[in-house]
Amino acid sequence: MSLEKKDEHDHRGWIQKRDLTPVEKGYLMVLVYLDRRLRIVDYLELLEDLYYKVNMQMPKSHTEQYNLDNKFWYWYPLYALGSFSTIAYVVAALSGALLGFYYAPATTGDPSGAYNQIVFIMTDLNFGFMLRSIHRWAAQVMVAAVFLHMLRVYFTGAYKEPRELNWILGIVLISLTMVFGYTGYLLPWDQLAFWAGQIGVEMSLSIPLAGEWVAQLLFGGFTLSQATLQRMYILHVFLLPFIVTTLIAVHIGIVWMQGIAEPH
């Protein structure tokens, strides 16, 4: 008998001699079997060590750090705006993914096909009106929550050292949120979307030196066309979600490491 098999046999014998319930014996037998092949116990110990380190690292509020009796800040609604905007983003992402099953930027090269698909979603698809409304309102709530969150951070001085990098990251996130809203605004390709796109083209052309290049890159030319809708769709569905999700994760990670900045 090899050494490994002997060790496993000894473990099984030890388990059988213990005064354990059948469920406990079965659990330990499975654990021994898996541990000999997959080192389960080693990974469980690593997870346990990580758990305790994470709990020691969890950010403490001002009231926790100084053992204050006033717990007012725990319920202060302005300190929930960051979490609120993240929840709104998740709701918008999930509802947008469901809308993606029924929407395409155009059909047969005609941008008006996108509008026809919006009409189908709103009028003929079961729960389509509700789904699009959830997506639209979640996006608007996210924009408002992010804006108010930035105001709260500024007026409470939470942007100062050592949180200045996270403040800059927040500025990038609110800028990308605006781009998110703009690209999504153009996707229905109705009159509002058309003129909003036309304003975007004119704003791009007004940029010194690089204006024409920016208009060509973002809008596919100097007038709105199928290329414009295609670019907005790619930005809104394929590019921005991955960038924003990554930056939100980094943003929350920095808050976790530094703690919540509450006014003293």
Protein backbone atom coordinates (compact mmCIF):
# COMPACT_ATOMS: atom_id res chain seq x y z
CA MET A 1 0.00 0.00 0.00
CA SER A 2 1.40 3.43 -0.99
CA LEU A 3 1.93 6.17 1.57
CA GLU A 4 -0.93 8.29 0.19
CA LYS A 5 -3.38 5.40 0.24
CA LYS A 6 -2.24 4.50 3.78
CA ASP A 7 -2.87 8.08 4.96
CA GLU A 8 -6.34 8.06 3.44
CA HIS A 9 -7.05 4.65 4.98
CA ASP A 10 -5.91 5.95 8.40
CA HIS A 11 -8.17 8.96 8.08
CA ARG A 12 -11.14 6.79 7.21
CA GLY A 13 -10.38 4.57 10.20
CA TRP A 14 -10.17 7.56 12.51
CA ILE A 15 -13.53 8.82 11.25
CA GLN A 16 -15.20 5.45 11.77
CA LYS A 17 -13.98 5.30 15.40
CA ARG A 18 -15.38 8.72 16.31
CA ASP A 19 -18.79 9.10 17.88
CA LEU A 20 -20.29 11.01 14.97
CA THR A 21 -23.65 11.12 13.29
CA PRO A 22 -23.98 9.50 9.85
CA VAL A 23 -24.21 12.97 8.28
CA GLU A 24 -21.00 14.12 9.96
CA LYS A 25 -19.18 10.92 8.99
CA GLY A 26 -20.37 11.26 5.40
CA TYR A 27 -19.23 14.88 5.27
CA LEU A 28 -15.77 14.05 6.65
CA MET A 29 -15.36 11.07 4.31
CA VAL A 30 -16.18 13.26 1.30
CA LEU A 31 -13.85 15.98 2.57
CA VAL A 32 -10.98 13.49 3.00
CA TYR A 33 -11.61 12.05 -0.46
CA LEU A 34 -11.61 15.48 -2.12
CA ASP A 35 -8.69 16.77 -0.06
CA ARG A 36 -6.44 13.92 -1.21
CA ARG A 37 -7.17 14.87 -4.82
CA LEU A 38 -7.93 18.62 -4.85
CA ARG A 39 -6.27 19.96 -1.64
CA ILE A 40 -9.63 21.24 -0.42
CA VAL A 41 -8.45 21.83 3.15
CA ASP A 42 -5.57 24.04 2.00
CA TYR A 43 -7.94 26.26 0.02
CA LEU A 44 -10.42 26.37 2.87
CA GLU A 45 -7.64 27.60 5.16
CA LEU A 46 -6.69 30.27 2.62
CA LEU A 47 -10.33 31.42 2.40
CA GLU A 48 -10.58 31.52 6.20
CA ASP A 49 -7.40 33.60 6.43
CA LEU A 50 -8.70 35.95 3.70
CA TYR A 51 -12.04 36.28 5.50
CA TYR A 52 -10.42 37.50 8.71
CA LYS A 53 -8.09 39.86 6.87
CA VAL A 54 -11.00 41.37 4.95
CA ASN A 55 -13.01 41.89 8.13
CA MET A 56 -10.07 43.63 9.76
CA GLN A 57 -9.73 45.81 6.66
CA MET A 58 -13.40 46.79 6.38
CA PRO A 59 -13.80 50.57 6.51
CA LYS A 60 -15.08 52.11 9.71
CA SER A 61 -17.18 55.22 9.85
CA HIS A 62 -16.29 58.24 11.96
CA THR A 63 -18.69 57.15 14.70
CA GLU A 64 -17.09 53.70 14.86
CA GLN A 65 -13.52 54.98 14.90
CA TYR A 66 -14.13 57.34 17.81
CA ASN A 67 -16.89 55.37 19.61
CA LEU A 68 -19.37 58.21 19.30
CA ASP A 69 -22.86 57.74 20.66
CA ASN A 70 -24.43 59.75 17.87
CA LYS A 71 -25.19 57.29 15.07
CA PHE A 72 -26.84 59.92 12.90
CA TRP A 73 -24.44 59.41 9.99
CA TYR A 74 -25.51 55.80 9.55
CA TRP A 75 -28.93 57.00 8.44
CA TYR A 76 -27.91 60.17 6.66
CA PRO A 77 -29.45 59.69 3.18
CA LEU A 78 -26.80 61.64 1.28
CA TYR A 79 -24.25 58.98 2.23
CA ALA A 80 -26.29 56.35 0.37
CA LEU A 81 -26.11 58.12 -2.99
CA GLY A 82 -23.05 56.16 -4.13
CA SER A 83 -24.73 52.84 -3.39
CA PHE A 84 -27.98 54.12 -4.88
CA SER A 85 -26.30 55.05 -8.17
CA THR A 86 -24.61 51.62 -8.30
CA ILE A 87 -27.94 49.86 -7.80
CA ALA A 88 -29.51 52.02 -10.52
CA TYR A 89 -26.62 51.08 -12.84
CA VAL A 90 -27.16 47.36 -12.19
CA VAL A 91 -30.91 47.69 -12.87
CA ALA A 92 -30.21 49.63 -16.09
CA ALA A 93 -27.65 47.05 -17.19
CA LEU A 94 -29.96 44.08 -16.60
CA SER A 95 -32.98 45.70 -18.25
CA GLY A 96 -30.78 46.88 -21.12
CA ALA A 97 -29.48 43.35 -21.65
CA LEU A 98 -33.07 42.11 -21.91
CA LEU A 99 -33.92 44.89 -24.38
CA GLY A 100 -30.95 43.81 -26.45
CA PHE A 101 -32.80 40.61 -27.36
CA TYR A 102 -35.36 42.65 -29.30
CA TYR A 103 -33.49 45.73 -30.49
CA ALA A 104 -31.00 46.12 -33.33
CA PRO A 105 -29.53 49.45 -34.51
CA ALA A 106 -31.20 49.09 -37.91
CA THR A 107 -32.57 46.65 -40.45
CA THR A 108 -31.63 46.42 -44.13
CA GLY A 109 -29.39 49.44 -43.83
CA ASP A 110 -32.28 51.78 -42.97
CA PRO A 111 -31.96 53.59 -39.61
CA SER A 112 -35.76 53.91 -39.39
CA GLY A 113 -35.84 50.18 -38.66
CA ALA A 114 -34.50 50.95 -35.18
CA TYR A 115 -37.52 53.16 -34.47
CA ASN A 116 -39.86 50.43 -35.71
CA GLN A 117 -38.29 47.99 -33.28
CA ILE A 118 -38.82 50.44 -30.41
CA VAL A 119 -42.49 50.69 -31.44
CA PHE A 120 -42.70 46.89 -31.45
CA ILE A 121 -41.16 46.69 -27.96
CA MET A 122 -43.50 49.35 -26.61
CA THR A 123 -46.74 48.12 -28.19
CA ASP A 124 -46.54 44.45 -29.14
CA LEU A 125 -43.98 42.80 -26.85
CA ASN A 126 -45.33 41.37 -23.61
CA PHE A 127 -44.15 43.61 -20.75
CA GLY A 128 -42.09 45.53 -23.31
CA PHE A 129 -43.44 48.92 -22.22
CA MET A 130 -42.59 48.13 -18.60
CA LEU A 131 -39.12 46.84 -19.53
CA ARG A 132 -38.19 49.92 -21.51
CA SER A 133 -39.62 52.18 -18.80
CA ILE A 134 -37.52 50.43 -16.14
CA HIS A 135 -34.41 50.87 -18.28
CA ARG A 136 -35.14 54.52 -18.95
CA TRP A 137 -35.98 55.46 -15.37
CA ALA A 138 -33.03 53.51 -13.96
CA ALA A 139 -30.73 55.44 -16.30
CA GLN A 140 -32.22 58.78 -15.26
CA VAL A 141 -32.04 57.89 -11.58
CA MET A 142 -28.40 56.90 -12.04
CA VAL A 143 -27.54 60.25 -13.63
CA ALA A 144 -29.27 62.17 -10.85
CA ALA A 145 -27.74 60.02 -8.08
CA VAL A 146 -24.21 60.33 -9.48
CA PHE A 147 -24.58 64.11 -9.78
CA LEU A 148 -25.87 64.47 -6.21
CA HIS A 149 -23.17 62.07 -5.00
CA MET A 150 -20.48 64.30 -6.50
CA LEU A 151 -22.04 67.37 -4.85
CA ARG A 152 -22.07 65.63 -1.47
CA VAL A 153 -18.43 64.61 -1.83
CA TYR A 154 -17.45 68.17 -2.77
CA PHE A 155 -19.36 70.03 -0.06
CA THR A 156 -18.26 67.63 2.70
CA GLY A 157 -14.62 67.89 1.64
CA ALA A 158 -14.35 64.16 0.92
CA TYR A 159 -12.32 64.88 -2.22
CA LYS A 160 -9.25 65.97 -0.25
CA GLU A 161 -6.11 63.99 0.50
CA PRO A 162 -5.87 61.00 0.63
CA ARG A 163 -9.03 60.61 -1.49
CA GLU A 164 -8.10 62.90 -4.37
CA LEU A 165 -7.47 59.99 -6.76
CA ASN A 166 -10.91 58.58 -6.11
CA TRP A 167 -12.35 62.05 -6.70
CA ILE A 168 -10.69 62.17 -10.12
CA LEU A 169 -12.01 58.69 -10.83
CA GLY A 170 -15.47 59.93 -9.85
CA ILE A 171 -15.18 62.79 -12.35
CA VAL A 172 -14.32 60.26 -15.06
CA LEU A 173 -17.31 58.12 -14.03
CA ILE A 174 -19.80 60.99 -14.13
CA SER A 175 -18.44 61.97 -17.56
CA LEU A 176 -18.90 58.42 -18.83
CA THR A 177 -22.40 58.41 -17.31
CA MET A 178 -23.24 61.44 -19.47
CA VAL A 179 -21.88 59.64 -22.53
CA PHE A 180 -23.93 56.59 -21.54
CA GLY A 181 -27.06 58.72 -21.40
CA TYR A 182 -26.33 60.47 -24.69
CA THR A 183 -25.65 57.30 -26.67
CA GLY A 184 -28.76 55.65 -25.25
CA TYR A 185 -30.81 58.77 -26.07
CA LEU A 186 -29.99 58.35 -29.76
CA LEU A 187 -30.85 54.65 -30.07
CA PRO A 188 -34.67 55.05 -30.48
CA TRP A 189 -33.92 57.16 -33.57
CA ASP A 190 -37.02 59.33 -33.22
CA GLN A 191 -37.20 63.09 -33.71
CA LEU A 192 -35.64 63.81 -30.31
CA ALA A 193 -32.79 61.41 -31.03
CA PHE A 194 -32.22 62.84 -34.51
CA TRP A 195 -31.90 66.44 -33.38
CA ALA A 196 -29.83 65.47 -30.34
CA GLY A 197 -27.49 63.68 -32.74
CA GLN A 198 -27.37 66.72 -35.01
CA ILE A 199 -26.41 68.91 -32.06
CA GLY A 200 -23.67 66.39 -31.24
CA VAL A 201 -22.29 66.64 -34.78
CA GLU A 202 -22.25 70.44 -34.61
CA MET A 203 -20.53 70.38 -31.22
CA SER A 204 -17.90 68.00 -32.57
CA LEU A 205 -17.25 70.21 -35.58
CA SER A 206 -16.77 73.20 -33.27
CA ILE A 207 -13.71 71.58 -31.67
CA PRO A 208 -10.57 73.42 -32.87
CA LEU A 209 -8.31 71.48 -35.25
CA ALA A 210 -9.67 68.01 -34.45
CA GLY A 211 -13.38 68.78 -35.01
CA GLU A 212 -13.81 67.07 -38.36
CA TRP A 213 -11.85 64.03 -37.21
CA VAL A 214 -13.99 63.70 -34.06
CA ALA A 215 -17.21 64.01 -36.08
CA GLN A 216 -16.03 61.32 -38.47
CA LEU A 217 -15.02 59.03 -35.64
CA LEU A 218 -18.09 59.38 -33.41
CA PHE A 219 -20.86 60.09 -35.92
CA GLY A 220 -19.55 58.54 -39.12
CA GLY A 221 -19.60 61.83 -40.99
CA PHE A 222 -20.99 65.35 -40.91
CA THR A 223 -24.62 64.28 -41.24
CA LEU A 224 -26.55 61.57 -39.39
CA SER A 225 -26.79 58.21 -41.08
CA GLN A 226 -26.78 54.47 -40.50
CA ALA A 227 -23.12 54.79 -39.47
CA THR A 228 -24.10 57.19 -36.68
CA LEU A 229 -26.63 54.79 -35.19
CA GLN A 230 -24.20 51.91 -35.49
CA ARG A 231 -21.50 53.81 -33.61
CA MET A 232 -23.87 54.87 -30.83
CA TYR A 233 -25.04 51.27 -30.43
CA ILE A 234 -21.48 49.92 -30.21
CA LEU A 235 -20.53 52.56 -27.63
CA HIS A 236 -23.67 52.04 -25.55
CA VAL A 237 -23.77 48.24 -25.58
CA PHE A 238 -20.26 46.93 -26.14
CA LEU A 239 -17.70 49.52 -25.05
CA LEU A 240 -19.07 51.68 -22.21
CA PRO A 241 -20.49 48.86 -20.02
CA PHE A 242 -17.11 47.17 -19.67
CA ILE A 243 -15.25 50.41 -19.00
CA VAL A 244 -17.80 51.76 -16.52
CA THR A 245 -18.16 48.44 -14.68
CA THR A 246 -14.38 48.19 -14.27
CA LEU A 247 -14.06 51.76 -13.03
CA ILE A 248 -16.96 51.34 -10.59
CA ALA A 249 -15.27 48.24 -9.17
CA VAL A 250 -12.01 50.17 -8.73
CA HIS A 251 -13.89 53.13 -7.23
CA ILE A 252 -15.68 50.95 -4.67
CA GLY A 253 -12.44 49.08 -3.93
CA ILE A 254 -10.68 52.34 -3.05
CA VAL A 255 -13.57 53.36 -0.79
CA TRP A 256 -13.32 49.96 0.89
CA MET A 257 -9.60 50.40 1.52
CA GLN A 258 -9.74 54.03 2.68
CA GLY A 259 -13.01 53.98 4.57
CA ILE A 260 -16.02 56.24 4.34
CA ALA A 261 -15.16 59.93 4.53
CA GLU A 262 -17.64 61.50 6.91
CA PRO A 263 -17.45 65.11 8.12
CA HIS A 264 -15.84 65.55 11.54
